[in-house]
């Protein structure tokens, strides 16, 4: 529900983006170290706040990231988007990290704890059709054991759940120019996650992944000339 227009890729703090390498080479210890070196930039205040959870696990020496596809809903411009679990801050939340953990539990029955949090990347201002929507989204990074994320169960807000190998993010054949359904009406860089025409990672979640990998000193592959046909 929080995917927004793509913002330009951000270079790491040293201003250098290394050539893309196979992201399967990044183990969780290396990722934790990189996140500690460059903690995320935070907005001190905002009219509205939300938080999402970037969740990692290692299976057979392959690091994976957890994504959901949001359920289709008439009248919802964010329906069907690939995203991290998350949502808006509620009055009973202790802090922004707690929001990400609570929303993940509600949406997927996946339990993550404060001890699982290994870092935070930059806060992002939510935008829709090129305009600010007065919402700031925070992204917290979590690491869990493989067996704990074995069978996440999506609630009514979630159409499907996906554990995606980080190695896919270095596969240039998965990257494309994406023309999303209305009302977005523009072309965005995207990444194909599955066979469904809506299983395209783009917008805010794509922006978070660009930031995540920039902290590892690398960038996502360039998009190809392919455009996904507009639907909806």
Protein backbone atom coordinates (compact mmCIF):
# COMPACT_ATOMS: atom_id res chain seq x y z
CA UNK A 1 0.00 0.00 0.00
CA UNK A 2 3.01 2.27 0.22
CA UNK A 3 4.66 1.88 -3.21
CA UNK A 4 5.26 5.29 -4.71
CA UNK A 5 7.10 6.82 -7.64
CA UNK A 6 10.70 5.82 -8.11
CA UNK A 7 13.27 8.26 -6.83
CA UNK A 8 16.77 8.51 -8.33
CA UNK A 9 19.28 5.96 -7.07
CA UNK A 10 21.36 7.12 -4.14
CA UNK A 11 25.11 6.58 -4.15
CA UNK A 12 26.81 5.22 -1.03
CA UNK A 13 28.54 7.60 1.34
CA UNK A 14 31.90 7.31 -0.44
CA UNK A 15 30.24 8.32 -3.72
CA UNK A 16 31.26 5.10 -5.46
CA UNK A 17 29.04 2.35 -6.82
CA UNK A 18 30.99 -0.80 -7.62
CA UNK A 19 30.06 -2.88 -10.64
CA UNK A 20 27.21 -5.28 -9.93
CA UNK A 21 28.39 -8.64 -8.58
CA UNK A 22 26.40 -11.74 -7.74
CA UNK A 23 24.49 -10.75 -4.61
CA UNK A 24 24.54 -14.38 -3.47
CA UNK A 25 28.11 -13.56 -2.40
CA UNK A 26 26.82 -11.25 0.34
CA UNK A 27 26.46 -13.15 3.58
CA UNK A 28 24.49 -11.88 6.55
CA UNK A 29 27.60 -10.96 8.54
CA UNK A 30 28.76 -8.70 5.71
CA UNK A 31 25.33 -7.12 5.47
CA UNK A 32 25.19 -6.44 9.22
CA UNK A 33 28.61 -4.80 9.09
CA UNK A 34 27.64 -2.58 6.15
CA UNK A 35 24.45 -1.43 7.85
CA UNK A 36 26.38 -0.54 11.01
CA UNK A 37 28.83 1.61 9.04
CA UNK A 38 26.12 3.67 7.33
CA UNK A 39 22.91 3.92 9.41
CA UNK A 40 19.85 5.27 7.66
CA UNK A 41 18.89 8.94 7.51
CA UNK A 42 15.81 9.72 9.60
CA UNK A 43 13.08 12.34 9.38
CA UNK A 44 12.69 14.00 12.76
CA UNK A 45 9.00 14.69 12.31
CA UNK A 46 6.25 14.09 9.80
CA UNK A 47 2.51 14.50 9.59
CA UNK A 48 1.98 10.77 8.97
CA UNK A 49 4.32 7.84 9.54
CA UNK A 50 4.57 4.23 8.42
CA UNK A 51 7.16 1.47 8.75
CA UNK A 52 8.10 -1.59 6.73
CA UNK A 53 10.27 -4.64 7.45
CA UNK A 54 13.07 -5.77 5.12
CA UNK A 55 13.53 -9.35 6.38
CA UNK A 56 16.53 -11.53 5.50
CA UNK A 57 17.31 -15.18 6.06
CA UNK A 58 19.95 -17.67 4.86
CA UNK A 59 18.97 -21.00 3.30
CA UNK A 60 21.69 -23.36 1.98
CA UNK A 61 24.21 -20.48 2.06
CA UNK A 62 21.89 -18.28 -0.04
CA UNK A 63 20.64 -15.05 1.51
CA UNK A 64 16.99 -14.34 0.75
CA UNK A 65 14.68 -11.33 1.22
CA UNK A 66 10.99 -11.55 2.09
CA UNK A 67 8.38 -9.88 -0.14
CA UNK A 68 4.61 -9.91 -0.31
CA UNK A 69 2.19 -9.15 -3.13
CA UNK A 70 -0.63 -7.05 -1.78
CA UNK A 71 -4.15 -8.21 -2.46
CA UNK A 72 -6.11 -6.65 -5.32
CA UNK A 73 -8.72 -4.24 -4.03
CA UNK A 74 -11.08 -2.12 -6.10
CA UNK A 75 -10.39 1.58 -5.72
CA UNK A 76 -6.99 1.02 -4.10
CA UNK A 77 -4.22 2.49 -6.32
CA UNK A 78 -1.63 0.35 -4.50
CA UNK A 79 -3.46 -2.95 -4.92
CA UNK A 80 -1.39 -5.84 -6.23
CA UNK A 81 1.99 -4.24 -5.52
CA UNK A 82 5.08 -6.21 -4.54
CA UNK A 83 6.23 -4.82 -1.20
CA UNK A 84 7.73 -5.42 2.21
CA UNK A 85 5.23 -6.13 4.99
CA UNK A 86 4.37 -2.98 6.90
CA UNK A 87 1.84 -0.24 7.47
CA UNK A 88 0.92 2.95 9.25
CA UNK A 89 1.84 3.79 12.81
CA UNK A 90 -0.88 3.23 15.39
CA UNK A 91 -1.25 5.05 18.70
CA UNK A 92 -0.38 1.91 20.68
CA UNK A 93 2.94 1.32 18.86
CA UNK A 94 5.97 1.87 21.08
CA UNK A 95 8.13 3.15 18.22
CA UNK A 96 8.58 2.89 14.46
CA UNK A 97 10.39 -0.44 14.67
CA UNK A 98 7.48 -1.84 16.67
CA UNK A 99 5.14 -0.71 13.88
CA UNK A 100 7.11 -2.75 11.33
CA UNK A 101 7.10 -5.83 13.57
CA UNK A 102 3.38 -5.55 14.43
CA UNK A 103 2.33 -5.08 10.82
CA UNK A 104 4.48 -8.04 9.73
CA UNK A 105 2.79 -10.26 12.31
CA UNK A 106 -0.69 -9.07 11.33
CA UNK A 107 -0.12 -9.47 7.60
CA UNK A 108 1.91 -12.68 7.48
CA UNK A 109 1.92 -14.33 10.96
CA UNK A 110 5.72 -14.02 10.81
CA UNK A 111 7.14 -13.16 14.25
CA UNK A 112 10.14 -10.82 14.30
CA UNK A 113 11.63 -9.33 17.46
CA UNK A 114 13.72 -6.31 18.39
CA UNK A 115 16.70 -8.66 18.74
CA UNK A 116 16.28 -9.58 15.06
CA UNK A 117 16.75 -5.96 13.91
CA UNK A 118 20.21 -5.48 12.35
CA UNK A 119 19.84 -2.00 10.91
CA UNK A 120 17.81 0.71 9.27
CA UNK A 121 18.02 2.36 5.86
CA UNK A 122 16.91 5.84 4.83
CA UNK A 123 13.41 7.10 5.53
CA UNK A 124 11.53 7.91 2.34
CA UNK A 125 8.74 10.37 1.65
CA UNK A 126 5.74 8.69 0.10
CA UNK A 127 4.63 10.05 -3.26
CA UNK A 128 1.79 9.27 -5.62
CA UNK A 129 1.71 10.44 -9.24
CA UNK A 130 4.68 12.73 -8.55
CA UNK A 131 3.17 14.44 -5.51
CA UNK A 132 3.91 14.10 -1.82
CA UNK A 133 1.16 12.37 0.15
CA UNK A 134 2.42 13.69 3.50
CA UNK A 135 3.63 10.25 4.59
CA UNK A 136 7.16 9.24 5.65
CA UNK A 137 8.03 5.53 5.53
CA UNK A 138 10.82 4.01 7.62
CA UNK A 139 12.49 0.72 6.69
CA UNK A 140 14.04 -1.58 9.29
CA UNK A 141 16.22 -4.57 8.37
CA UNK A 142 15.75 -7.85 10.24
CA UNK A 143 17.57 -11.18 10.18
CA UNK A 144 15.76 -14.40 11.14
CA UNK A 145 16.54 -18.11 11.17
CA UNK A 146 15.51 -20.08 8.11
CA UNK A 147 13.03 -22.30 9.93
CA UNK A 148 11.19 -19.34 11.47
CA UNK A 149 10.27 -18.01 8.02
CA UNK A 150 9.40 -21.41 6.58
CA UNK A 151 5.67 -20.92 5.97
CA UNK A 152 4.46 -17.31 6.27
CA UNK A 153 0.68 -17.02 5.96
CA UNK A 154 -0.79 -13.91 4.36
CA UNK A 155 -3.96 -12.34 5.74
CA UNK A 156 -6.72 -10.71 3.67
CA UNK A 157 -4.34 -7.88 2.71
CA UNK A 158 -1.80 -10.27 1.13
CA UNK A 159 -2.24 -12.18 -2.14
CA UNK A 160 1.06 -14.10 -1.93
CA UNK A 161 4.37 -14.30 -0.07
CA UNK A 162 7.82 -14.74 -1.61
CA UNK A 163 11.31 -15.54 -0.33
CA UNK A 164 13.51 -14.08 -3.08
CA UNK A 165 17.22 -14.98 -3.38
CA UNK A 166 19.49 -11.95 -3.38
CA UNK A 167 21.22 -13.49 -6.40
CA UNK A 168 18.13 -12.59 -8.46
CA UNK A 169 19.00 -8.91 -7.92
CA UNK A 170 22.16 -9.33 -9.99
CA UNK A 171 20.32 -11.06 -12.87
CA UNK A 172 19.98 -8.38 -15.54
CA UNK A 173 17.33 -10.39 -17.42
CA UNK A 174 14.88 -9.72 -14.57
CA UNK A 175 15.10 -5.93 -14.88
CA UNK A 176 12.75 -4.00 -17.13
CA UNK A 177 10.98 -0.73 -17.79
CA UNK A 178 7.59 -1.15 -16.15
CA UNK A 179 4.36 0.56 -17.13
CA UNK A 180 2.13 0.01 -14.06
CA UNK A 181 -1.67 0.02 -14.11
CA UNK A 182 -3.56 3.29 -13.69
CA UNK A 183 -3.52 5.73 -11.94
CA UNK A 184 0.31 5.81 -11.92
CA UNK A 185 0.61 6.37 -15.67
CA UNK A 186 4.37 6.51 -16.16
CA UNK A 187 7.29 4.20 -16.86
CA UNK A 188 9.44 3.01 -13.92
CA UNK A 189 12.46 0.74 -13.51
CA UNK A 190 11.31 -2.60 -12.19
CA UNK A 191 12.32 -6.18 -11.47
CA UNK A 192 10.37 -9.31 -12.35
CA UNK A 193 9.80 -11.47 -9.26
CA UNK A 194 7.39 -14.11 -10.59
CA UNK A 195 5.29 -15.14 -13.58
CA UNK A 196 2.24 -13.05 -12.69
CA UNK A 197 2.16 -9.77 -14.64
CA UNK A 198 1.74 -7.87 -11.37
CA UNK A 199 4.70 -9.58 -9.65
CA UNK A 200 6.98 -6.67 -10.52
CA UNK A 201 9.08 -4.95 -7.88
CA UNK A 202 9.00 -1.18 -8.49
CA UNK A 203 8.33 2.16 -6.79
CA UNK A 204 9.06 2.59 -3.12
CA UNK A 205 10.15 -0.99 -2.47
CA UNK A 206 12.51 -0.85 -5.47
CA UNK A 207 13.89 2.41 -4.05
CA UNK A 208 14.51 0.75 -0.68
CA UNK A 209 16.37 -2.12 -2.38
CA UNK A 210 18.53 0.37 -4.31
CA UNK A 211 19.42 2.04 -1.00
CA UNK A 212 20.06 -1.34 0.65
CA UNK A 213 22.51 -2.47 -2.04
CA UNK A 214 24.20 0.94 -2.25
CA UNK A 215 25.23 0.38 1.39
CA UNK A 216 27.00 -2.76 0.19
CA UNK A 217 28.88 -0.63 -2.35
CA UNK A 218 27.07 -1.81 -5.45
CA UNK A 219 24.03 -1.09 -7.61
CA UNK A 220 21.20 -2.95 -9.29
CA UNK A 221 21.59 -3.82 -13.00
CA UNK A 222 20.39 -1.35 -15.58
CA UNK A 223 16.87 -1.92 -16.86
CA UNK A 224 16.35 -3.37 -20.32
CA UNK A 225 14.19 -2.02 -23.12
CA UNK A 226 11.24 -4.24 -22.21
CA UNK A 227 7.99 -2.62 -21.11
CA UNK A 228 5.30 -4.59 -19.33
CA UNK A 229 1.93 -3.94 -21.01
CA UNK A 230 -0.38 -1.68 -19.05
CA UNK A 231 -3.28 -3.50 -17.39
CA UNK A 232 -6.16 -2.63 -15.10
